[in-house]
């Protein structure tokens, strides 16, 4: 829960900061960031708080009570995930600038939200998702579906287009968004597979 929220915030901050450093137009507007923080990433965060216990939880070594929650490993994780957000979001934003800032910003706004959805799926457990079951936390699936539906509302309803400065996206746009944002899921799942194999080998 904490890692998810901090990583999402880090991704948003680094995206804005990097865009400014590269002298690019702002990829996200203040109202869009507020929408993400209050609505779209809030629902999955709450659902992660009720993630079912993993079957092997009692076999793990107890956590050191003196260990800080934000230790070296967690800080590295937060920054690394933040940079995945940045590369994907700004890369897509830059490629779409030729179609106008509003279109490019809508793509960036949507891809960073989809990054958060795929991240929520991957951060559920220390073990690969196939071991715990994709649908074992139904509340999370419902939360993700609700967040995506809310984002679609912002993209496709003209009233919200005016408020959030967005434009409707095509099916091709969504394919690009899914391909880019799902990268975080596959990267984190691959990392878990490698670590679990090392653990079993040891």
C-alpha atoms as a PDB file:
ATOM      1  CA  UNK A   1       0.000   0.000   0.000  1.00  0.00           C
ATOM      2  CA  UNK A   2       2.654   2.516   1.103  1.00  0.00           C
ATOM      3  CA  UNK A   3       5.067   1.519  -1.671  1.00  0.00           C
ATOM      4  CA  UNK A   4       2.314   1.825  -4.261  1.00  0.00           C
ATOM      5  CA  UNK A   5       1.272   5.324  -3.195  1.00  0.00           C
ATOM      6  CA  UNK A   6       4.846   6.617  -2.822  1.00  0.00           C
ATOM      7  CA  UNK A   7       5.917   5.120  -6.167  1.00  0.00           C
ATOM      8  CA  UNK A   8       2.933   6.677  -7.961  1.00  0.00           C
ATOM      9  CA  UNK A   9       3.653  10.080  -6.428  1.00  0.00           C
ATOM     10  CA  UNK A  10       7.342   9.759  -7.289  1.00  0.00           C
ATOM     11  CA  UNK A  11       6.433   8.925 -10.878  1.00  0.00           C
ATOM     12  CA  UNK A  12       4.235  12.010 -11.174  1.00  0.00           C
ATOM     13  CA  UNK A  13       6.831  14.306  -9.586  1.00  0.00           C
ATOM     14  CA  UNK A  14       9.703  12.979 -11.691  1.00  0.00           C
ATOM     15  CA  UNK A  15       7.623  13.217 -14.864  1.00  0.00           C
ATOM     16  CA  UNK A  16       6.885  16.908 -14.293  1.00  0.00           C
ATOM     17  CA  UNK A  17      10.449  17.659 -13.166  1.00  0.00           C
ATOM     18  CA  UNK A  18      12.044  15.857 -16.121  1.00  0.00           C
ATOM     19  CA  UNK A  19       9.730  17.603 -18.600  1.00  0.00           C
ATOM     20  CA  UNK A  20      10.740  20.988 -17.166  1.00  0.00           C
ATOM     21  CA  UNK A  21      14.440  20.056 -17.315  1.00  0.00           C
ATOM     22  CA  UNK A  22      14.054  18.980 -20.962  1.00  0.00           C
ATOM     23  CA  UNK A  23      12.176  22.207 -21.767  1.00  0.00           C
ATOM     24  CA  UNK A  24       9.073  20.262 -22.836  1.00  0.00           C
ATOM     25  CA  UNK A  25       5.479  21.454 -22.419  1.00  0.00           C
ATOM     26  CA  UNK A  26       3.854  20.262 -19.195  1.00  0.00           C
ATOM     27  CA  UNK A  27       2.692  16.657 -19.745  1.00  0.00           C
ATOM     28  CA  UNK A  28       0.174  16.910 -16.881  1.00  0.00           C
ATOM     29  CA  UNK A  29      -1.988  19.799 -15.691  1.00  0.00           C
ATOM     30  CA  UNK A  30      -2.658  20.507 -11.975  1.00  0.00           C
ATOM     31  CA  UNK A  31      -6.293  19.375 -12.204  1.00  0.00           C
ATOM     32  CA  UNK A  32      -5.236  16.148 -13.899  1.00  0.00           C
ATOM     33  CA  UNK A  33      -2.741  15.424 -11.111  1.00  0.00           C
ATOM     34  CA  UNK A  34      -5.433  16.129  -8.511  1.00  0.00           C
ATOM     35  CA  UNK A  35      -7.779  13.713 -10.328  1.00  0.00           C
ATOM     36  CA  UNK A  36      -5.109  11.004 -10.251  1.00  0.00           C
ATOM     37  CA  UNK A  37      -4.259  11.446  -6.596  1.00  0.00           C
ATOM     38  CA  UNK A  38      -7.834  11.670  -5.304  1.00  0.00           C
ATOM     39  CA  UNK A  39      -9.704   9.314  -7.626  1.00  0.00           C
ATOM     40  CA  UNK A  40      -7.951   6.949  -9.989  1.00  0.00           C
ATOM     41  CA  UNK A  41      -4.993   5.752  -7.886  1.00  0.00           C
ATOM     42  CA  UNK A  42      -6.928   6.058  -4.605  1.00  0.00           C
ATOM     43  CA  UNK A  43      -9.284   3.161  -5.356  1.00  0.00           C
ATOM     44  CA  UNK A  44      -6.538   0.565  -6.063  1.00  0.00           C
ATOM     45  CA  UNK A  45      -4.575   1.812  -3.040  1.00  0.00           C
ATOM     46  CA  UNK A  46      -7.546   1.120  -0.762  1.00  0.00           C
ATOM     47  CA  UNK A  47      -8.058  -2.312  -2.333  1.00  0.00           C
ATOM     48  CA  UNK A  48      -4.394  -3.197  -1.773  1.00  0.00           C
ATOM     49  CA  UNK A  49      -4.978  -2.594   1.924  1.00  0.00           C
ATOM     50  CA  UNK A  50      -7.275  -5.645   2.032  1.00  0.00           C
ATOM     51  CA  UNK A  51      -5.067  -7.972  -0.019  1.00  0.00           C
ATOM     52  CA  UNK A  52      -5.534 -11.592   1.204  1.00  0.00           C
ATOM     53  CA  UNK A  53      -2.668 -13.123   3.198  1.00  0.00           C
ATOM     54  CA  UNK A  54      -0.230 -15.175   1.177  1.00  0.00           C
ATOM     55  CA  UNK A  55      -0.116 -18.957   1.857  1.00  0.00           C
ATOM     56  CA  UNK A  56       3.570 -19.026   2.844  1.00  0.00           C
ATOM     57  CA  UNK A  57       3.545 -15.922   5.019  1.00  0.00           C
ATOM     58  CA  UNK A  58       4.252 -17.898   8.207  1.00  0.00           C
ATOM     59  CA  UNK A  59       7.343 -19.497   6.619  1.00  0.00           C
ATOM     60  CA  UNK A  60       9.090 -16.182   6.117  1.00  0.00           C
ATOM     61  CA  UNK A  61      11.607 -14.729   8.499  1.00  0.00           C
ATOM     62  CA  UNK A  62      10.130 -12.076  10.794  1.00  0.00           C
ATOM     63  CA  UNK A  63      10.820  -8.484   9.893  1.00  0.00           C
ATOM     64  CA  UNK A  64      13.397  -6.715  12.040  1.00  0.00           C
ATOM     65  CA  UNK A  65      11.369  -4.419  14.352  1.00  0.00           C
ATOM     66  CA  UNK A  66      14.203  -1.867  14.237  1.00  0.00           C
ATOM     67  CA  UNK A  67      14.219  -1.729  10.443  1.00  0.00           C
ATOM     68  CA  UNK A  68      12.896   1.505   8.976  1.00  0.00           C
ATOM     69  CA  UNK A  69       9.900   1.288   6.652  1.00  0.00           C
ATOM     70  CA  UNK A  70      11.725   3.445   4.106  1.00  0.00           C
ATOM     71  CA  UNK A  71      15.041   1.618   4.029  1.00  0.00           C
ATOM     72  CA  UNK A  72      17.606   1.560   1.229  1.00  0.00           C
ATOM     73  CA  UNK A  73      15.834  -1.163  -0.753  1.00  0.00           C
ATOM     74  CA  UNK A  74      12.417   0.495  -0.613  1.00  0.00           C
ATOM     75  CA  UNK A  75      13.864   3.871  -1.612  1.00  0.00           C
ATOM     76  CA  UNK A  76      15.632   2.275  -4.584  1.00  0.00           C
ATOM     77  CA  UNK A  77      12.365   0.582  -5.551  1.00  0.00           C
ATOM     78  CA  UNK A  78      10.369   3.828  -5.354  1.00  0.00           C
ATOM     79  CA  UNK A  79      12.874   5.758  -7.465  1.00  0.00           C
ATOM     80  CA  UNK A  80      13.304   2.914  -9.996  1.00  0.00           C
ATOM     81  CA  UNK A  81       9.538   2.560 -10.478  1.00  0.00           C
ATOM     82  CA  UNK A  82       9.272   6.335 -10.706  1.00  0.00           C
ATOM     83  CA  UNK A  83      11.739   6.356 -13.593  1.00  0.00           C
ATOM     84  CA  UNK A  84       9.805   3.623 -15.409  1.00  0.00           C
ATOM     85  CA  UNK A  85       6.789   5.938 -15.198  1.00  0.00           C
ATOM     86  CA  UNK A  86       8.895   8.828 -16.508  1.00  0.00           C
ATOM     87  CA  UNK A  87      10.391   6.986 -19.477  1.00  0.00           C
ATOM     88  CA  UNK A  88       7.048   5.605 -20.612  1.00  0.00           C
ATOM     89  CA  UNK A  89       4.983   8.726 -19.984  1.00  0.00           C
ATOM     90  CA  UNK A  90       7.378  11.300 -21.412  1.00  0.00           C
ATOM     91  CA  UNK A  91       8.362   9.027 -24.291  1.00  0.00           C
ATOM     92  CA  UNK A  92       4.750   8.685 -25.396  1.00  0.00           C
ATOM     93  CA  UNK A  93       4.072  12.372 -24.723  1.00  0.00           C
ATOM     94  CA  UNK A  94       7.010  13.445 -26.879  1.00  0.00           C
ATOM     95  CA  UNK A  95       6.034  11.143 -29.747  1.00  0.00           C
ATOM     96  CA  UNK A  96       2.467  12.500 -29.715  1.00  0.00           C
ATOM     97  CA  UNK A  97       3.385  16.195 -29.602  1.00  0.00           C
ATOM     98  CA  UNK A  98       3.175  16.319 -33.385  1.00  0.00           C
ATOM     99  CA  UNK A  99      -0.574  15.721 -33.015  1.00  0.00           C
ATOM    100  CA  UNK A 100      -0.965  18.719 -30.719  1.00  0.00           C
ATOM    101  CA  UNK A 101      -0.319  19.375 -27.030  1.00  0.00           C
ATOM    102  CA  UNK A 102      -3.848  18.489 -25.944  1.00  0.00           C
ATOM    103  CA  UNK A 103      -3.691  15.065 -27.614  1.00  0.00           C
ATOM    104  CA  UNK A 104      -0.196  14.417 -26.275  1.00  0.00           C
ATOM    105  CA  UNK A 105      -1.234  15.507 -22.778  1.00  0.00           C
ATOM    106  CA  UNK A 106      -4.301  13.258 -22.874  1.00  0.00           C
ATOM    107  CA  UNK A 107      -2.048  10.338 -23.799  1.00  0.00           C
ATOM    108  CA  UNK A 108       0.384  11.167 -20.974  1.00  0.00           C
ATOM    109  CA  UNK A 109      -2.476  11.633 -18.489  1.00  0.00           C
ATOM    110  CA  UNK A 110      -3.945   8.256 -19.423  1.00  0.00           C
ATOM    111  CA  UNK A 111      -0.720   6.271 -19.675  1.00  0.00           C
ATOM    112  CA  UNK A 112       0.458   7.312 -16.218  1.00  0.00           C
ATOM    113  CA  UNK A 113      -2.889   6.212 -14.776  1.00  0.00           C
ATOM    114  CA  UNK A 114      -2.583   2.883 -16.575  1.00  0.00           C
ATOM    115  CA  UNK A 115       0.953   2.567 -15.206  1.00  0.00           C
ATOM    116  CA  UNK A 116      -0.615   2.815 -11.750  1.00  0.00           C
ATOM    117  CA  UNK A 117      -3.190   0.120 -12.568  1.00  0.00           C
ATOM    118  CA  UNK A 118      -0.586  -2.366 -13.805  1.00  0.00           C
ATOM    119  CA  UNK A 119       1.678  -1.457 -10.906  1.00  0.00           C
ATOM    120  CA  UNK A 120      -1.118  -2.241  -8.457  1.00  0.00           C
ATOM    121  CA  UNK A 121      -1.446  -5.732  -9.962  1.00  0.00           C
ATOM    122  CA  UNK A 122       2.279  -6.383  -9.685  1.00  0.00           C
ATOM    123  CA  UNK A 123       2.877  -4.968  -6.203  1.00  0.00           C
ATOM    124  CA  UNK A 124       0.295  -7.209  -4.520  1.00  0.00           C
ATOM    125  CA  UNK A 125       2.849  -9.799  -3.449  1.00  0.00           C
ATOM    126  CA  UNK A 126       6.533 -10.696  -3.293  1.00  0.00           C
ATOM    127  CA  UNK A 127       5.789 -13.849  -5.285  1.00  0.00           C
ATOM    128  CA  UNK A 128       4.725 -14.040  -8.963  1.00  0.00           C
ATOM    129  CA  UNK A 129       1.067 -13.350  -9.607  1.00  0.00           C
ATOM    130  CA  UNK A 130       0.373 -16.822 -10.990  1.00  0.00           C
ATOM    131  CA  UNK A 131       1.088 -18.262  -7.528  1.00  0.00           C
ATOM    132  CA  UNK A 132      -1.472 -16.136  -5.713  1.00  0.00           C
ATOM    133  CA  UNK A 133      -4.062 -15.993  -8.479  1.00  0.00           C
ATOM    134  CA  UNK A 134      -4.879 -13.058 -10.709  1.00  0.00           C
ATOM    135  CA  UNK A 135      -8.395 -12.692  -9.268  1.00  0.00           C
ATOM    136  CA  UNK A 136      -7.672 -13.554  -5.613  1.00  0.00           C
ATOM    137  CA  UNK A 137      -8.269  -9.920  -4.619  1.00  0.00           C
ATOM    138  CA  UNK A 138     -11.576  -9.172  -6.338  1.00  0.00           C
ATOM    139  CA  UNK A 139     -11.801  -5.779  -4.669  1.00  0.00           C
ATOM    140  CA  UNK A 140      -8.617  -4.752  -6.463  1.00  0.00           C
ATOM    141  CA  UNK A 141      -9.947  -5.910  -9.834  1.00  0.00           C
ATOM    142  CA  UNK A 142     -13.150  -3.928  -9.230  1.00  0.00           C
ATOM    143  CA  UNK A 143     -11.109  -0.887  -8.123  1.00  0.00           C
ATOM    144  CA  UNK A 144      -8.957  -1.027 -11.262  1.00  0.00           C
ATOM    145  CA  UNK A 145     -11.982  -1.449 -13.515  1.00  0.00           C
ATOM    146  CA  UNK A 146     -13.666   1.505 -11.775  1.00  0.00           C
ATOM    147  CA  UNK A 147     -10.575   3.692 -12.158  1.00  0.00           C
ATOM    148  CA  UNK A 148     -10.301   2.891 -15.863  1.00  0.00           C
ATOM    149  CA  UNK A 149     -14.020   3.612 -16.328  1.00  0.00           C
ATOM    150  CA  UNK A 150     -13.638   6.965 -14.570  1.00  0.00           C
ATOM    151  CA  UNK A 151     -10.686   7.840 -16.786  1.00  0.00           C
ATOM    152  CA  UNK A 152     -12.708   6.883 -19.870  1.00  0.00           C
ATOM    153  CA  UNK A 153     -15.405   9.259 -18.666  1.00  0.00           C
ATOM    154  CA  UNK A 154     -12.869  12.101 -18.528  1.00  0.00           C
ATOM    155  CA  UNK A 155     -11.698  11.259 -22.051  1.00  0.00           C
ATOM    156  CA  UNK A 156     -14.972  10.651 -23.864  1.00  0.00           C
ATOM    157  CA  UNK A 157     -17.593  12.915 -22.248  1.00  0.00           C
ATOM    158  CA  UNK A 158     -17.404  16.410 -23.833  1.00  0.00           C
ATOM    159  CA  UNK A 159     -18.212  18.186 -20.555  1.00  0.00           C
ATOM    160  CA  UNK A 160     -15.134  16.630 -18.902  1.00  0.00           C
ATOM    161  CA  UNK A 161     -13.018  17.256 -22.012  1.00  0.00           C
ATOM    162  CA  UNK A 162     -13.445  20.961 -21.337  1.00  0.00           C
ATOM    163  CA  UNK A 163     -12.720  20.702 -17.609  1.00  0.00           C
ATOM    164  CA  UNK A 164      -9.672  18.416 -17.874  1.00  0.00           C
ATOM    165  CA  UNK A 165      -8.400  19.645 -21.260  1.00  0.00           C
ATOM    166  CA  UNK A 166      -8.606  16.177 -22.849  1.00  0.00           C
ATOM    167  CA  UNK A 167      -9.632  14.791 -26.226  1.00  0.00           C
ATOM    168  CA  UNK A 168     -11.141  11.403 -27.165  1.00  0.00           C
ATOM    169  CA  UNK A 169      -8.606   8.659 -27.903  1.00  0.00           C
ATOM    170  CA  UNK A 170      -8.759   6.075 -30.667  1.00  0.00           C
ATOM    171  CA  UNK A 171      -8.340   2.296 -30.372  1.00  0.00           C
ATOM    172  CA  UNK A 172      -4.798   2.697 -31.728  1.00  0.00           C
ATOM    173  CA  UNK A 173      -4.040   5.217 -28.993  1.00  0.00           C
ATOM    174  CA  UNK A 174      -5.205   2.717 -26.367  1.00  0.00           C
ATOM    175  CA  UNK A 175      -3.015  -0.008 -27.849  1.00  0.00           C
ATOM    176  CA  UNK A 176       0.004   2.298 -27.490  1.00  0.00           C
ATOM    177  CA  UNK A 177      -1.002   3.153 -23.919  1.00  0.00           C
ATOM    178  CA  UNK A 178      -1.455  -0.489 -22.892  1.00  0.00           C
ATOM    179  CA  UNK A 179       1.806  -1.578 -24.508  1.00  0.00           C
ATOM    180  CA  UNK A 180       3.759   1.149 -22.717  1.00  0.00           C
ATOM    181  CA  UNK A 181       2.064   0.985 -19.303  1.00  0.00           C
ATOM    182  CA  UNK A 182       2.002  -2.820 -19.034  1.00  0.00           C
ATOM    183  CA  UNK A 183       5.819  -2.792 -19.159  1.00  0.00           C
ATOM    184  CA  UNK A 184       5.927  -2.112 -15.427  1.00  0.00           C
ATOM    185  CA  UNK A 185       3.898  -5.246 -14.721  1.00  0.00           C
ATOM    186  CA  UNK A 186       6.180  -7.476 -16.785  1.00  0.00           C
ATOM    187  CA  UNK A 187       9.361  -5.903 -15.390  1.00  0.00           C
ATOM    188  CA  UNK A 188       8.265  -6.402 -11.774  1.00  0.00           C
ATOM    189  CA  UNK A 189       6.922  -9.902 -12.411  1.00  0.00           C
ATOM    190  CA  UNK A 190      10.202 -10.885 -14.111  1.00  0.00           C
ATOM    191  CA  UNK A 191      12.110  -9.541 -11.116  1.00  0.00           C
ATOM    192  CA  UNK A 192       9.974 -11.645  -8.754  1.00  0.00           C
ATOM    193  CA  UNK A 193      10.548 -14.764 -10.844  1.00  0.00           C
ATOM    194  CA  UNK A 194      14.327 -14.263 -10.748  1.00  0.00           C
ATOM    195  CA  UNK A 195      14.371 -13.603  -6.985  1.00  0.00           C
ATOM    196  CA  UNK A 196      12.145 -16.607  -6.243  1.00  0.00           C
ATOM    197  CA  UNK A 197      14.331 -18.906  -8.329  1.00  0.00           C
ATOM    198  CA  UNK A 198      17.435 -17.661  -6.537  1.00  0.00           C
ATOM    199  CA  UNK A 199      15.721 -18.225  -3.208  1.00  0.00           C
ATOM    200  CA  UNK A 200      14.698 -21.775  -4.152  1.00  0.00           C
ATOM    201  CA  UNK A 201      18.186 -22.473  -5.493  1.00  0.00           C
ATOM    202  CA  UNK A 202      19.713 -21.229  -2.264  1.00  0.00           C
END
